[in-house]
Amino acid sequence: MNFIISGKNNLTVSDELRNAVESKLGKLERYFTPDTDVNVTLSVEKERQKIEVTIPVKGNIIRSEQTSNDMYMSIDLVEEVIERQLRKYKNKIIDKHQSGGGFQQTYLENEYDEGEDEVKIIRTKKFGFKPMYPEDACVQMELLGHNFYVFHNAETDQVNVVYKRKGNTYGLIEPEY
């Protein structure tokens, strides 16, 4: 794996940090071909030590960012998250019979237990949309006791979502085409 490690916000990447990143993320090499690029960006903002890892693989991106008060802890956390993502992504490749370009064949052939990380949709709801204004959707959301509400916006003729924010305020999500 080719590590491309950089610092952001005037952070100089020391040899110790570089070695820690390569050592910890090097454990992922069993999943990838040797020519896979791993882009790592380290940054510090006040007490927040942040690591961002991006691994491009055949039309997709494996990405995680983790923040803690210790850079070495952030490195450990990001490795765990990426490993969990890879288990999910592997099943997607196999289920869709896609080629696993960028991954080692042994990784694709071995069975890995997904455990409780598997996403399962256990219920589907269907309901009719009647056009309403965002303010009315907020009232309906409150009446239902939910923290979000999907509705057909009467002003824009599109499907929107209103959601509850901190401080008893509301947000509106609109599609961007």
N, C-alpha and C. Protein backbone atom coordinates (compact mmCIF):
# COMPACT_ATOMS: atom_id res chain seq x y z
N MET A 1 0.85 -1.17 0.00
CA MET A 1 0.00 0.00 0.00
C MET A 1 0.89 1.24 0.00
N ASN A 2 0.47 2.23 -0.73
CA ASN A 2 1.21 3.49 -0.82
C ASN A 2 0.56 4.52 0.09
N PHE A 3 1.26 4.91 1.14
CA PHE A 3 0.72 5.89 2.07
C PHE A 3 1.09 7.30 1.62
N ILE A 4 0.10 8.16 1.52
CA ILE A 4 0.30 9.56 1.21
C ILE A 4 -0.18 10.32 2.45
N ILE A 5 0.76 10.71 3.30
CA ILE A 5 0.43 11.30 4.59
C ILE A 5 0.76 12.78 4.57
N SER A 6 -0.21 13.59 4.95
CA SER A 6 0.03 15.04 4.98
C SER A 6 -0.59 15.64 6.24
N GLY A 7 -0.08 16.81 6.60
CA GLY A 7 -0.59 17.55 7.75
C GLY A 7 -1.39 18.74 7.28
N LYS A 8 -2.37 19.14 8.06
CA LYS A 8 -3.23 20.27 7.71
C LYS A 8 -3.23 21.24 8.89
N ASN A 9 -3.50 22.49 8.64
CA ASN A 9 -3.49 23.53 9.68
C ASN A 9 -2.12 23.65 10.34
N ASN A 10 -1.11 23.73 9.54
CA ASN A 10 0.28 23.90 10.00
C ASN A 10 0.79 22.75 10.85
N LEU A 11 0.25 21.56 10.69
CA LEU A 11 0.74 20.38 11.41
C LEU A 11 1.84 19.74 10.59
N THR A 12 3.00 19.59 11.20
CA THR A 12 4.11 18.89 10.57
C THR A 12 4.04 17.43 11.03
N VAL A 13 4.04 16.52 10.07
CA VAL A 13 3.94 15.10 10.39
C VAL A 13 5.31 14.59 10.82
N SER A 14 5.44 14.24 12.09
CA SER A 14 6.71 13.74 12.63
C SER A 14 6.92 12.29 12.17
N ASP A 15 8.15 11.83 12.31
CA ASP A 15 8.46 10.44 11.96
C ASP A 15 7.67 9.48 12.84
N GLU A 16 7.48 9.84 14.12
CA GLU A 16 6.72 8.96 15.02
C GLU A 16 5.26 8.83 14.56
N LEU A 17 4.67 9.97 14.19
CA LEU A 17 3.28 9.92 13.70
C LEU A 17 3.21 9.12 12.40
N ARG A 18 4.14 9.37 11.49
CA ARG A 18 4.17 8.65 10.21
C ARG A 18 4.28 7.15 10.45
N ASN A 19 5.17 6.75 11.37
CA ASN A 19 5.34 5.33 11.68
C ASN A 19 4.08 4.74 12.31
N ALA A 20 3.43 5.51 13.18
CA ALA A 20 2.20 5.03 13.83
C ALA A 20 1.10 4.81 12.79
N VAL A 21 0.96 5.75 11.86
CA VAL A 21 -0.06 5.63 10.82
C VAL A 21 0.23 4.42 9.93
N GLU A 22 1.48 4.31 9.48
CA GLU A 22 1.83 3.20 8.58
C GLU A 22 1.73 1.86 9.30
N SER A 23 2.06 1.82 10.58
CA SER A 23 1.97 0.57 11.34
C SER A 23 0.52 0.15 11.53
N LYS A 24 -0.31 1.07 12.00
CA LYS A 24 -1.71 0.74 12.30
C LYS A 24 -2.50 0.47 11.02
N LEU A 25 -2.40 1.38 10.05
CA LEU A 25 -3.15 1.20 8.80
C LEU A 25 -2.52 0.14 7.92
N GLY A 26 -1.27 -0.19 8.19
CA GLY A 26 -0.60 -1.27 7.45
C GLY A 26 -1.29 -2.60 7.67
N LYS A 27 -2.02 -2.74 8.77
CA LYS A 27 -2.78 -3.97 9.03
C LYS A 27 -3.85 -4.20 7.96
N LEU A 28 -4.22 -3.12 7.27
CA LEU A 28 -5.24 -3.23 6.23
C LEU A 28 -4.69 -3.79 4.92
N GLU A 29 -3.38 -3.96 4.84
CA GLU A 29 -2.80 -4.39 3.56
C GLU A 29 -3.25 -5.80 3.17
N ARG A 30 -3.74 -6.57 4.12
CA ARG A 30 -4.24 -7.91 3.77
C ARG A 30 -5.50 -7.81 2.90
N TYR A 31 -6.14 -6.65 2.88
CA TYR A 31 -7.34 -6.47 2.08
C TYR A 31 -7.06 -5.92 0.68
N PHE A 32 -5.99 -5.17 0.54
CA PHE A 32 -5.76 -4.43 -0.70
C PHE A 32 -4.56 -4.95 -1.48
N THR A 33 -4.55 -4.64 -2.78
CA THR A 33 -3.39 -4.96 -3.61
C THR A 33 -2.26 -4.00 -3.24
N PRO A 34 -1.02 -4.37 -3.50
CA PRO A 34 0.13 -3.54 -3.09
C PRO A 34 0.15 -2.14 -3.70
N ASP A 35 -0.49 -1.93 -4.84
CA ASP A 35 -0.44 -0.61 -5.49
C ASP A 35 -1.58 0.32 -5.06
N THR A 36 -2.33 -0.05 -4.03
CA THR A 36 -3.44 0.78 -3.54
C THR A 36 -2.91 2.01 -2.80
N ASP A 37 -3.44 3.19 -3.14
CA ASP A 37 -3.07 4.43 -2.47
C ASP A 37 -3.95 4.64 -1.24
N VAL A 38 -3.33 5.07 -0.15
CA VAL A 38 -4.05 5.40 1.07
C VAL A 38 -3.72 6.85 1.40
N ASN A 39 -4.71 7.73 1.26
CA ASN A 39 -4.51 9.15 1.54
C ASN A 39 -4.88 9.44 2.98
N VAL A 40 -3.91 9.97 3.73
CA VAL A 40 -4.10 10.25 5.15
C VAL A 40 -3.81 11.72 5.40
N THR A 41 -4.75 12.40 6.06
CA THR A 41 -4.54 13.80 6.44
C THR A 41 -4.72 13.92 7.94
N LEU A 42 -3.71 14.47 8.59
CA LEU A 42 -3.73 14.68 10.04
C LEU A 42 -3.91 16.17 10.31
N SER A 43 -4.71 16.51 11.30
CA SER A 43 -4.89 17.92 11.65
C SER A 43 -5.17 18.07 13.14
N VAL A 44 -4.86 19.26 13.64
CA VAL A 44 -5.11 19.58 15.05
C VAL A 44 -5.84 20.91 15.10
N GLU A 45 -6.95 20.94 15.82
CA GLU A 45 -7.70 22.18 16.06
C GLU A 45 -8.00 22.24 17.55
N LYS A 46 -7.34 23.12 18.26
CA LYS A 46 -7.46 23.24 19.71
C LYS A 46 -7.14 21.89 20.34
N GLU A 47 -8.10 21.26 21.01
CA GLU A 47 -7.87 19.97 21.66
C GLU A 47 -8.23 18.79 20.77
N ARG A 48 -8.70 19.06 19.56
CA ARG A 48 -9.18 17.99 18.67
C ARG A 48 -8.08 17.51 17.75
N GLN A 49 -7.76 16.23 17.86
CA GLN A 49 -6.75 15.58 17.01
C GLN A 49 -7.51 14.75 15.98
N LYS A 50 -7.40 15.12 14.71
CA LYS A 50 -8.25 14.52 13.69
C LYS A 50 -7.42 13.80 12.63
N ILE A 51 -7.89 12.63 12.21
CA ILE A 51 -7.28 11.90 11.10
C ILE A 51 -8.37 11.61 10.07
N GLU A 52 -8.04 11.84 8.81
CA GLU A 52 -8.95 11.54 7.71
C GLU A 52 -8.24 10.56 6.79
N VAL A 53 -8.89 9.44 6.47
CA VAL A 53 -8.31 8.42 5.61
C VAL A 53 -9.24 8.20 4.44
N THR A 54 -8.68 8.25 3.23
CA THR A 54 -9.45 8.00 2.01
C THR A 54 -8.70 6.97 1.18
N ILE A 55 -9.43 5.90 0.81
CA ILE A 55 -8.83 4.84 -0.01
C ILE A 55 -9.72 4.64 -1.23
N PRO A 56 -9.27 5.13 -2.41
CA PRO A 56 -10.07 4.92 -3.62
C PRO A 56 -9.90 3.48 -4.13
N VAL A 57 -11.03 2.80 -4.37
CA VAL A 57 -11.00 1.44 -4.91
C VAL A 57 -12.06 1.28 -5.97
N LYS A 58 -11.66 1.04 -7.17
CA LYS A 58 -12.51 0.75 -8.32
C LYS A 58 -13.92 1.34 -8.25
N GLY A 59 -14.01 2.63 -8.48
CA GLY A 59 -15.31 3.28 -8.56
C GLY A 59 -15.95 3.63 -7.23
N ASN A 60 -15.32 3.29 -6.13
CA ASN A 60 -15.84 3.61 -4.81
C ASN A 60 -14.74 4.20 -3.95
N ILE A 61 -15.13 4.72 -2.82
CA ILE A 61 -14.16 5.30 -1.90
C ILE A 61 -14.45 4.74 -0.51
N ILE A 62 -13.41 4.21 0.12
CA ILE A 62 -13.50 3.82 1.51
C ILE A 62 -12.96 5.02 2.28
N ARG A 63 -13.76 5.59 3.18
CA ARG A 63 -13.35 6.82 3.85
C ARG A 63 -13.82 6.83 5.29
N SER A 64 -12.97 7.37 6.15
CA SER A 64 -13.35 7.56 7.54
C SER A 64 -12.55 8.73 8.10
N GLU A 65 -13.16 9.43 9.01
CA GLU A 65 -12.45 10.46 9.77
C GLU A 65 -12.81 10.29 11.23
N GLN A 66 -11.81 10.41 12.08
CA GLN A 66 -12.02 10.23 13.50
C GLN A 66 -11.32 11.36 14.25
N THR A 67 -11.93 11.79 15.33
CA THR A 67 -11.40 12.87 16.15
C THR A 67 -11.40 12.44 17.60
N SER A 68 -10.33 12.76 18.29
CA SER A 68 -10.25 12.52 19.74
C SER A 68 -9.28 13.54 20.32
N ASN A 69 -8.98 13.42 21.60
CA ASN A 69 -8.03 14.35 22.19
C ASN A 69 -6.60 13.84 22.10
N ASP A 70 -6.40 12.68 21.44
CA ASP A 70 -5.07 12.09 21.27
C ASP A 70 -4.96 11.55 19.85
N MET A 71 -3.95 11.96 19.11
CA MET A 71 -3.80 11.56 17.71
C MET A 71 -3.65 10.05 17.58
N TYR A 72 -2.94 9.42 18.49
CA TYR A 72 -2.73 7.97 18.40
C TYR A 72 -4.04 7.22 18.62
N MET A 73 -4.91 7.75 19.48
CA MET A 73 -6.23 7.16 19.69
C MET A 73 -7.07 7.34 18.42
N SER A 74 -6.96 8.49 17.80
CA SER A 74 -7.70 8.73 16.55
C SER A 74 -7.26 7.75 15.47
N ILE A 75 -5.97 7.46 15.42
CA ILE A 75 -5.43 6.51 14.43
C ILE A 75 -6.03 5.13 14.68
N ASP A 76 -6.07 4.71 15.95
CA ASP A 76 -6.67 3.40 16.29
C ASP A 76 -8.13 3.34 15.89
N LEU A 77 -8.87 4.40 16.19
CA LEU A 77 -10.31 4.43 15.89
C LEU A 77 -10.57 4.36 14.39
N VAL A 78 -9.79 5.08 13.60
CA VAL A 78 -10.03 5.12 12.16
C VAL A 78 -9.75 3.75 11.54
N GLU A 79 -8.77 3.04 12.06
CA GLU A 79 -8.46 1.70 11.53
C GLU A 79 -9.62 0.75 11.80
N GLU A 80 -10.21 0.81 12.98
CA GLU A 80 -11.34 -0.05 13.33
C GLU A 80 -12.55 0.23 12.44
N VAL A 81 -12.82 1.51 12.21
CA VAL A 81 -13.97 1.90 11.39
C VAL A 81 -13.79 1.43 9.95
N ILE A 82 -12.59 1.60 9.40
CA ILE A 82 -12.34 1.18 8.02
C ILE A 82 -12.47 -0.33 7.89
N GLU A 83 -11.97 -1.06 8.87
CA GLU A 83 -12.08 -2.51 8.82
C GLU A 83 -13.56 -2.94 8.81
N ARG A 84 -14.38 -2.26 9.60
CA ARG A 84 -15.82 -2.56 9.64
C ARG A 84 -16.46 -2.24 8.27
N GLN A 85 -16.06 -1.12 7.68
CA GLN A 85 -16.60 -0.74 6.37
C GLN A 85 -16.22 -1.78 5.32
N LEU A 86 -15.00 -2.29 5.41
CA LEU A 86 -14.53 -3.26 4.42
C LEU A 86 -15.33 -4.56 4.49
N ARG A 87 -15.72 -4.98 5.69
CA ARG A 87 -16.53 -6.19 5.81
C ARG A 87 -17.88 -5.99 5.11
N LYS A 88 -18.47 -4.80 5.29
CA LYS A 88 -19.75 -4.51 4.64
C LYS A 88 -19.57 -4.42 3.12
N TYR A 89 -18.51 -3.75 2.69
CA TYR A 89 -18.26 -3.55 1.27
C TYR A 89 -17.99 -4.87 0.57
N LYS A 90 -17.30 -5.78 1.25
CA LYS A 90 -17.00 -7.09 0.67
C LYS A 90 -18.29 -7.81 0.33
N ASN A 91 -19.26 -7.79 1.24
CA ASN A 91 -20.53 -8.45 0.97
C ASN A 91 -21.26 -7.81 -0.20
N LYS A 92 -21.13 -6.52 -0.34
CA LYS A 92 -21.75 -5.82 -1.47
C LYS A 92 -21.13 -6.30 -2.78
N ILE A 93 -19.82 -6.43 -2.80
CA ILE A 93 -19.12 -6.89 -4.01
C ILE A 93 -19.60 -8.29 -4.37
N ILE A 94 -19.67 -9.18 -3.38
CA ILE A 94 -20.06 -10.55 -3.63
C ILE A 94 -21.54 -10.63 -4.02
N ASP A 95 -22.40 -9.90 -3.31
CA ASP A 95 -23.84 -9.93 -3.61
C ASP A 95 -24.13 -9.43 -5.02
N LYS A 96 -23.42 -8.44 -5.46
CA LYS A 96 -23.67 -7.84 -6.77
C LYS A 96 -22.82 -8.47 -7.86
N HIS A 97 -21.99 -9.45 -7.50
CA HIS A 97 -21.09 -10.13 -8.44
C HIS A 97 -20.22 -9.12 -9.18
N GLN A 98 -19.75 -8.13 -8.45
CA GLN A 98 -18.88 -7.13 -9.04
C GLN A 98 -17.44 -7.63 -8.97
N SER A 99 -16.60 -7.05 -9.80
CA SER A 99 -15.19 -7.40 -9.67
C SER A 99 -14.63 -6.59 -8.51
N GLY A 100 -13.72 -7.16 -7.80
CA GLY A 100 -13.17 -6.50 -6.62
C GLY A 100 -11.85 -5.84 -6.93
N GLY A 101 -11.77 -5.06 -7.97
CA GLY A 101 -10.53 -4.39 -8.33
C GLY A 101 -9.97 -3.60 -7.16
N GLY A 102 -8.69 -3.80 -6.87
CA GLY A 102 -8.05 -3.10 -5.77
C GLY A 102 -8.01 -3.92 -4.50
N PHE A 103 -8.75 -5.05 -4.47
CA PHE A 103 -8.75 -5.90 -3.29
C PHE A 103 -8.01 -7.21 -3.60
N GLN A 104 -7.38 -7.76 -2.57
CA GLN A 104 -6.72 -9.04 -2.73
C GLN A 104 -7.78 -10.13 -2.85
N GLN A 105 -7.49 -11.13 -3.67
CA GLN A 105 -8.45 -12.21 -3.90
C GLN A 105 -8.75 -12.99 -2.62
N THR A 106 -7.74 -13.18 -1.75
CA THR A 106 -7.98 -13.93 -0.52
C THR A 106 -8.98 -13.22 0.37
N TYR A 107 -8.95 -11.90 0.36
CA TYR A 107 -9.92 -11.13 1.15
C TYR A 107 -11.33 -11.38 0.64
N LEU A 108 -11.50 -11.40 -0.68
CA LEU A 108 -12.82 -11.58 -1.26
C LEU A 108 -13.34 -13.01 -1.07
N GLU A 109 -12.43 -13.98 -0.99
CA GLU A 109 -12.83 -15.38 -0.88
C GLU A 109 -13.11 -15.80 0.55
N ASN A 110 -12.46 -15.18 1.54
CA ASN A 110 -12.64 -15.58 2.93
C ASN A 110 -13.97 -15.08 3.47
N GLU A 111 -14.51 -15.83 4.42
CA GLU A 111 -15.74 -15.44 5.08
C GLU A 111 -15.41 -14.59 6.30
N TYR A 112 -16.09 -13.50 6.46
CA TYR A 112 -15.93 -12.64 7.63
C TYR A 112 -17.29 -12.46 8.27
N ASP A 113 -17.32 -12.57 9.57
CA ASP A 113 -18.56 -12.41 10.31
C ASP A 113 -18.88 -10.93 10.42
N GLU A 114 -20.05 -10.55 9.95
CA GLU A 114 -20.45 -9.14 10.02
C GLU A 114 -20.93 -8.76 11.39
N GLY A 115 -21.40 -9.73 12.14
CA GLY A 115 -21.88 -9.43 13.48
C GLY A 115 -23.04 -8.47 13.47
N GLU A 116 -23.03 -7.56 14.42
CA GLU A 116 -24.14 -6.63 14.57
C GLU A 116 -24.02 -5.41 13.67
N ASP A 117 -22.97 -5.33 12.84
CA ASP A 117 -22.77 -4.16 11.99
C ASP A 117 -23.62 -4.20 10.73
N GLU A 118 -24.25 -5.33 10.45
CA GLU A 118 -25.01 -5.47 9.23
C GLU A 118 -26.25 -4.57 9.27
N VAL A 119 -26.50 -3.90 8.17
CA VAL A 119 -27.68 -3.03 8.07
C VAL A 119 -28.83 -3.87 7.55
N LYS A 120 -29.91 -3.91 8.31
CA LYS A 120 -31.09 -4.66 7.90
C LYS A 120 -32.30 -3.76 7.99
N ILE A 121 -33.04 -3.69 6.92
CA ILE A 121 -34.30 -2.95 6.93
C ILE A 121 -35.36 -3.96 7.37
N ILE A 122 -36.00 -3.68 8.50
CA ILE A 122 -36.94 -4.64 9.06
C ILE A 122 -38.40 -4.22 8.87
N ARG A 123 -38.60 -3.01 8.39
CA ARG A 123 -39.97 -2.55 8.21
C ARG A 123 -40.02 -1.51 7.10
N THR A 124 -41.04 -1.58 6.30
CA THR A 124 -41.26 -0.60 5.23
C THR A 124 -42.63 0.02 5.44
N LYS A 125 -42.69 1.34 5.37
CA LYS A 125 -43.96 2.04 5.50
C LYS A 125 -44.27 2.72 4.17
N LYS A 126 -45.54 2.70 3.82
CA LYS A 126 -46.00 3.41 2.63
C LYS A 126 -47.13 4.33 3.06
N PHE A 127 -47.09 5.54 2.54
CA PHE A 127 -48.15 6.48 2.86
C PHE A 127 -48.27 7.49 1.75
N GLY A 128 -49.44 8.08 1.63
CA GLY A 128 -49.69 9.06 0.60
C GLY A 128 -49.17 10.43 1.00
N PHE A 129 -48.73 11.16 0.00
CA PHE A 129 -48.25 12.53 0.22
C PHE A 129 -49.35 13.50 -0.19
N LYS A 130 -49.66 14.43 0.67
CA LYS A 130 -50.50 15.53 0.22
C LYS A 130 -49.63 16.78 0.32
N PRO A 131 -49.70 17.66 -0.66
CA PRO A 131 -48.86 18.84 -0.61
C PRO A 131 -49.12 19.68 0.64
N MET A 132 -48.04 20.15 1.26
CA MET A 132 -48.16 21.03 2.43
C MET A 132 -46.95 21.96 2.47
N TYR A 133 -47.07 22.99 3.25
CA TYR A 133 -45.99 23.94 3.41
C TYR A 133 -45.05 23.46 4.52
N PRO A 134 -43.77 23.86 4.48
CA PRO A 134 -42.81 23.41 5.48
C PRO A 134 -43.25 23.66 6.92
N GLU A 135 -43.90 24.79 7.16
CA GLU A 135 -44.36 25.10 8.51
C GLU A 135 -45.41 24.08 8.97
N ASP A 136 -46.30 23.70 8.04
CA ASP A 136 -47.32 22.69 8.36
C ASP A 136 -46.68 21.33 8.62
N ALA A 137 -45.62 21.03 7.88
CA ALA A 137 -44.91 19.78 8.07
C ALA A 137 -44.26 19.74 9.46
N CYS A 138 -43.76 20.89 9.93
CA CYS A 138 -43.18 20.96 11.29
C CYS A 138 -44.25 20.69 12.34
N VAL A 139 -45.43 21.25 12.14
CA VAL A 139 -46.52 21.02 13.07
C VAL A 139 -46.90 19.54 13.07
N GLN A 140 -46.99 18.94 11.90
CA GLN A 140 -47.34 17.52 11.79
C GLN A 140 -46.27 16.66 12.47
N MET A 141 -45.01 17.02 12.28
CA MET A 141 -43.91 16.28 12.91
C MET A 141 -44.04 16.33 14.43
N GLU A 142 -44.35 17.51 14.96
CA GLU A 142 -44.52 17.66 16.41
C GLU A 142 -45.70 16.84 16.92
N LEU A 143 -46.80 16.85 16.15
CA LEU A 143 -47.97 16.08 16.55
C LEU A 143 -47.68 14.58 16.61
N LEU A 144 -46.82 14.11 15.70
CA LEU A 144 -46.47 12.70 15.67
C LEU A 144 -45.39 12.35 16.70
N GLY A 145 -44.70 13.37 17.20
CA GLY A 145 -43.63 13.12 18.17
C GLY A 145 -42.35 12.61 17.52
N HIS A 146 -42.17 12.87 16.25
CA HIS A 146 -40.96 12.44 15.54
C HIS A 146 -39.93 13.56 15.52
N ASN A 147 -38.68 13.22 15.12
CA ASN A 147 -37.67 14.26 15.00
C ASN A 147 -37.38 14.61 13.54
N PHE A 148 -38.12 14.00 12.61
CA PHE A 148 -38.07 14.39 11.20
C PHE A 148 -39.40 14.04 10.55
N TYR A 149 -39.67 14.65 9.39
CA TYR A 149 -40.92 14.38 8.70
C TYR A 149 -40.71 14.60 7.20
N VAL A 150 -41.08 13.60 6.40
CA VAL A 150 -40.96 13.67 4.94
C VAL A 150 -42.30 14.14 4.40
N PHE A 151 -42.24 15.10 3.47
CA PHE A 151 -43.50 15.65 2.94
C PHE A 151 -43.30 16.16 1.52
N HIS A 152 -44.43 16.39 0.85
CA HIS A 152 -44.45 16.97 -0.50
C HIS A 152 -44.63 18.48 -0.34
N ASN A 153 -43.60 19.25 -0.71
CA ASN A 153 -43.61 20.69 -0.51
C ASN A 153 -44.54 21.35 -1.53
N ALA A 154 -45.55 22.04 -1.05
CA ALA A 154 -46.53 22.70 -1.92
C ALA A 154 -45.91 23.87 -2.67
N GLU A 155 -44.84 24.46 -2.13
CA GLU A 155 -44.21 25.60 -2.79
C GLU A 155 -43.32 25.17 -3.95
N THR A 156 -42.60 24.07 -3.79
CA THR A 156 -41.61 23.65 -4.79
C THR A 156 -42.03 22.42 -5.57
N ASP A 157 -43.11 21.74 -5.16
CA ASP A 157 -43.59 20.52 -5.80
C ASP A 157 -42.53 19.41 -5.76
N GLN A 158 -41.73 19.35 -4.68
CA GLN A 158 -40.70 18.34 -4.50
C GLN A 158 -40.86 17.68 -3.14
N VAL A 159 -40.24 16.52 -2.99
CA VAL A 159 -40.23 15.85 -1.70
C VAL A 159 -39.14 16.50 -0.84
N ASN A 160 -39.49 16.91 0.37
CA ASN A 160 -38.57 17.55 1.31
C ASN A 160 -38.64 16.85 2.65
N VAL A 161 -37.72 17.20 3.52
CA VAL A 161 -37.69 16.68 4.88
C VAL A 161 -37.51 17.86 5.83
N VAL A 162 -38.33 17.92 6.86
CA VAL A 162 -38.08 18.87 7.95
C VAL A 162 -37.56 18.05 9.12
N TYR A 163 -36.69 18.66 9.92
CA TYR A 163 -36.14 17.94 11.06
C TYR A 163 -35.94 18.89 12.23
N LYS A 164 -35.94 18.30 13.41
CA LYS A 164 -35.80 19.07 14.63
C LYS A 164 -34.32 19.27 14.92
N ARG A 165 -33.95 20.49 15.25
CA ARG A 165 -32.57 20.84 15.59
C ARG A 165 -32.49 21.18 17.07
N LYS A 166 -31.26 21.33 17.54
CA LYS A 166 -31.07 21.73 18.93
C LYS A 166 -31.65 23.13 19.13
N GLY A 167 -32.06 23.40 20.34
CA GLY A 167 -32.58 24.73 20.65
C GLY A 167 -33.98 24.97 20.14
N ASN A 168 -34.75 23.89 19.94
CA ASN A 168 -36.13 24.01 19.45
C ASN A 168 -36.24 24.78 18.15
N THR A 169 -35.30 24.53 17.24
CA THR A 169 -35.38 25.11 15.90
C THR A 169 -35.58 23.97 14.92
N TYR A 170 -35.85 24.30 13.67
CA TYR A 170 -36.14 23.30 12.65
C TYR A 170 -35.24 23.50 11.44
N GLY A 171 -35.01 22.41 10.72
CA GLY A 171 -34.24 22.46 9.48
C GLY A 171 -35.08 21.92 8.35
N LEU A 172 -34.73 22.30 7.12
CA LEU A 172 -35.44 21.85 5.93
C LEU A 172 -34.40 21.29 4.96
N ILE A 173 -34.63 20.08 4.48
CA ILE A 173 -33.75 19.47 3.49
C ILE A 173 -34.49 19.44 2.17
N GLU A 174 -33.87 20.05 1.15
CA GLU A 174 -34.44 20.10 -0.19
C GLU A 174 -33.48 19.41 -1.16
N PRO A 175 -34.00 18.74 -2.18
CA PRO A 175 -33.11 18.10 -3.15
C PRO A 175 -32.44 19.16 -4.02
N GLU A 176 -31.22 18.84 -4.45
CA GLU A 176 -30.49 19.73 -5.35
C GLU A 176 -30.21 18.94 -6.61
N TYR A 177 -30.70 19.39 -7.71
CA TYR A 177 -30.52 18.67 -8.97
C TYR A 177 -29.51 19.34 -9.84
